[in-house]
């Protein structure tokens, strides 16, 4: 398994922002006072978390492949 490209990560970020808009997120009581900057940071942190999980998964799979 290979590491995702920057382009695919950017496309994924755009898809997430299209699926969960700031207006939709503000309907959740916890996020009702969320600003645009806070929304961008929340999406970025979720992206970083997902990438870390993916990298750990890829590293685990690559280490199990016999040479």
N, C-alpha and C. Protein backbone atom coordinates (compact mmCIF):
# COMPACT_ATOMS: atom_id res chain seq x y z
N UNK A 1 0.85 -1.17 0.00
CA UNK A 1 0.00 0.00 0.00
C UNK A 1 0.89 1.23 0.00
N UNK A 2 0.55 2.22 -0.82
CA UNK A 2 1.39 3.40 -0.91
C UNK A 2 0.73 4.60 -0.24
N UNK A 3 1.54 5.57 0.09
CA UNK A 3 1.10 6.78 0.76
C UNK A 3 0.24 7.63 -0.19
N UNK A 4 -0.87 8.22 0.31
CA UNK A 4 -1.71 9.04 -0.56
C UNK A 4 -0.99 10.32 -0.99
N UNK A 5 -1.34 10.80 -2.17
CA UNK A 5 -0.72 12.02 -2.69
C UNK A 5 -1.36 13.24 -2.04
N UNK A 6 -0.65 14.36 -2.12
CA UNK A 6 -1.18 15.62 -1.59
C UNK A 6 -2.49 15.98 -2.29
N UNK A 7 -2.55 15.73 -3.60
CA UNK A 7 -3.75 16.05 -4.37
C UNK A 7 -4.95 15.25 -3.88
N UNK A 8 -4.75 13.97 -3.58
CA UNK A 8 -5.87 13.16 -3.11
C UNK A 8 -6.31 13.60 -1.71
N UNK A 9 -5.39 14.06 -0.90
CA UNK A 9 -5.74 14.57 0.43
C UNK A 9 -6.55 15.85 0.30
N UNK A 10 -6.15 16.73 -0.61
CA UNK A 10 -6.89 17.98 -0.82
C UNK A 10 -8.29 17.71 -1.36
N UNK A 11 -8.42 16.74 -2.27
CA UNK A 11 -9.75 16.39 -2.79
C UNK A 11 -10.63 15.84 -1.67
N UNK A 12 -10.03 15.03 -0.80
CA UNK A 12 -10.77 14.48 0.33
C UNK A 12 -11.25 15.58 1.29
N UNK A 13 -10.39 16.56 1.52
CA UNK A 13 -10.77 17.68 2.39
C UNK A 13 -11.94 18.44 1.79
N UNK A 14 -11.91 18.67 0.48
CA UNK A 14 -13.03 19.37 -0.18
C UNK A 14 -14.31 18.56 -0.08
N UNK A 15 -14.21 17.23 -0.22
CA UNK A 15 -15.40 16.39 -0.11
C UNK A 15 -16.00 16.46 1.30
N UNK A 16 -15.14 16.46 2.31
CA UNK A 16 -15.63 16.56 3.69
C UNK A 16 -16.33 17.90 3.90
N UNK A 17 -15.74 18.98 3.40
CA UNK A 17 -16.35 20.30 3.57
C UNK A 17 -17.67 20.40 2.81
N UNK A 18 -17.82 19.66 1.72
CA UNK A 18 -19.09 19.66 0.99
C UNK A 18 -20.14 18.84 1.72
N UNK A 19 -19.72 17.79 2.40
CA UNK A 19 -20.66 16.94 3.12
C UNK A 19 -21.10 17.56 4.45
N UNK A 20 -20.17 18.14 5.16
CA UNK A 20 -20.48 18.72 6.48
C UNK A 20 -20.14 20.21 6.42
N UNK A 21 -21.13 21.01 6.10
CA UNK A 21 -20.90 22.45 6.00
C UNK A 21 -20.89 23.07 7.40
N UNK A 22 -20.41 24.27 7.46
CA UNK A 22 -20.39 25.00 8.73
C UNK A 22 -21.82 25.17 9.26
N UNK A 23 -22.75 25.48 8.37
CA UNK A 23 -24.15 25.66 8.79
C UNK A 23 -24.72 24.37 9.38
N UNK A 24 -24.41 23.23 8.78
CA UNK A 24 -24.89 21.95 9.31
C UNK A 24 -24.26 21.64 10.66
N UNK A 25 -23.00 21.95 10.78
CA UNK A 25 -22.29 21.68 12.02
C UNK A 25 -22.82 22.56 13.16
N UNK A 26 -23.22 23.77 12.83
CA UNK A 26 -23.76 24.68 13.86
C UNK A 26 -25.10 24.21 14.40
N UNK A 27 -25.76 23.26 13.74
CA UNK A 27 -27.01 22.71 14.25
C UNK A 27 -26.78 21.80 15.45
N UNK A 28 -25.56 21.34 15.63
CA UNK A 28 -25.19 20.50 16.77
C UNK A 28 -24.89 21.45 17.94
N UNK A 29 -25.56 21.26 19.08
CA UNK A 29 -25.39 22.20 20.20
C UNK A 29 -23.93 22.49 20.57
N UNK A 30 -23.09 21.49 20.52
CA UNK A 30 -21.69 21.66 20.89
C UNK A 30 -20.98 22.66 19.97
N UNK A 31 -21.42 22.79 18.73
CA UNK A 31 -20.75 23.62 17.74
C UNK A 31 -21.56 24.84 17.32
N UNK A 32 -22.57 25.23 18.09
CA UNK A 32 -23.45 26.31 17.65
C UNK A 32 -22.74 27.65 17.54
N UNK A 33 -21.68 27.87 18.28
CA UNK A 33 -20.94 29.15 18.21
C UNK A 33 -19.63 29.03 17.42
N UNK A 34 -19.53 28.02 16.58
CA UNK A 34 -18.30 27.76 15.82
C UNK A 34 -18.10 28.84 14.74
N UNK A 35 -16.90 29.38 14.70
CA UNK A 35 -16.57 30.38 13.68
C UNK A 35 -16.00 29.69 12.45
N UNK A 36 -15.83 30.44 11.37
CA UNK A 36 -15.23 29.88 10.16
C UNK A 36 -13.81 29.39 10.44
N UNK A 37 -13.07 30.16 11.24
CA UNK A 37 -11.71 29.74 11.58
C UNK A 37 -11.73 28.46 12.40
N UNK A 38 -12.65 28.36 13.33
CA UNK A 38 -12.78 27.16 14.14
C UNK A 38 -13.17 25.95 13.30
N UNK A 39 -14.05 26.18 12.33
CA UNK A 39 -14.47 25.12 11.41
C UNK A 39 -13.28 24.63 10.60
N UNK A 40 -12.51 25.56 10.06
CA UNK A 40 -11.32 25.19 9.28
C UNK A 40 -10.33 24.40 10.13
N UNK A 41 -10.14 24.82 11.37
CA UNK A 41 -9.23 24.12 12.28
C UNK A 41 -9.75 22.72 12.62
N UNK A 42 -11.05 22.61 12.84
CA UNK A 42 -11.66 21.31 13.13
C UNK A 42 -11.47 20.34 11.97
N UNK A 43 -11.70 20.81 10.75
CA UNK A 43 -11.52 19.98 9.56
C UNK A 43 -10.05 19.59 9.41
N UNK A 44 -9.14 20.55 9.62
CA UNK A 44 -7.71 20.29 9.49
C UNK A 44 -7.25 19.25 10.53
N UNK A 45 -7.73 19.37 11.77
CA UNK A 45 -7.36 18.42 12.82
C UNK A 45 -7.91 17.02 12.51
N UNK A 46 -9.13 16.96 11.98
CA UNK A 46 -9.69 15.66 11.59
C UNK A 46 -8.88 15.05 10.46
N UNK A 47 -8.44 15.89 9.53
CA UNK A 47 -7.60 15.43 8.41
C UNK A 47 -6.27 14.88 8.92
N UNK A 48 -5.64 15.59 9.84
CA UNK A 48 -4.36 15.14 10.41
C UNK A 48 -4.54 13.82 11.14
N UNK A 49 -5.61 13.70 11.91
CA UNK A 49 -5.90 12.47 12.64
C UNK A 49 -6.08 11.30 11.67
N UNK A 50 -6.84 11.52 10.60
CA UNK A 50 -7.08 10.47 9.62
C UNK A 50 -5.78 10.06 8.92
N UNK A 51 -4.94 11.03 8.60
CA UNK A 51 -3.66 10.73 7.95
C UNK A 51 -2.76 9.92 8.87
N UNK A 52 -2.73 10.27 10.16
CA UNK A 52 -1.91 9.51 11.11
C UNK A 52 -2.38 8.06 11.22
N UNK A 53 -3.69 7.86 11.25
CA UNK A 53 -4.23 6.50 11.31
C UNK A 53 -3.86 5.75 10.03
N UNK A 54 -4.01 6.41 8.88
CA UNK A 54 -3.68 5.78 7.60
C UNK A 54 -2.20 5.43 7.52
N UNK A 55 -1.34 6.33 7.98
CA UNK A 55 0.10 6.05 7.96
C UNK A 55 0.45 4.87 8.86
N UNK A 56 -0.18 4.79 10.01
CA UNK A 56 0.07 3.66 10.91
C UNK A 56 -0.39 2.36 10.26
N UNK A 57 -1.53 2.39 9.61
CA UNK A 57 -2.06 1.21 8.93
C UNK A 57 -1.13 0.78 7.79
N UNK A 58 -0.67 1.75 7.00
CA UNK A 58 0.24 1.45 5.89
C UNK A 58 1.54 0.87 6.41
N UNK A 59 2.09 1.47 7.46
CA UNK A 59 3.35 0.98 8.03
C UNK A 59 3.19 -0.45 8.55
N UNK A 60 2.07 -0.73 9.18
CA UNK A 60 1.81 -2.07 9.70
C UNK A 60 1.71 -3.06 8.56
N UNK A 61 0.99 -2.70 7.51
CA UNK A 61 0.85 -3.60 6.36
C UNK A 61 2.17 -3.80 5.64
N UNK A 62 2.96 -2.75 5.50
CA UNK A 62 4.25 -2.87 4.82
C UNK A 62 5.22 -3.73 5.61
N UNK A 63 5.12 -3.72 6.92
CA UNK A 63 6.05 -4.51 7.72
C UNK A 63 5.69 -5.99 7.69
N UNK A 64 4.46 -6.33 7.33
CA UNK A 64 4.04 -7.71 7.27
C UNK A 64 4.25 -8.34 5.90
N UNK A 65 4.70 -7.58 4.94
CA UNK A 65 4.91 -8.10 3.59
C UNK A 65 6.30 -8.74 3.53
N UNK A 66 6.36 -10.03 3.17
CA UNK A 66 7.68 -10.67 3.08
C UNK A 66 8.48 -10.10 1.91
N UNK A 67 9.79 -10.00 2.09
CA UNK A 67 10.66 -9.45 1.03
C UNK A 67 10.97 -10.48 -0.02
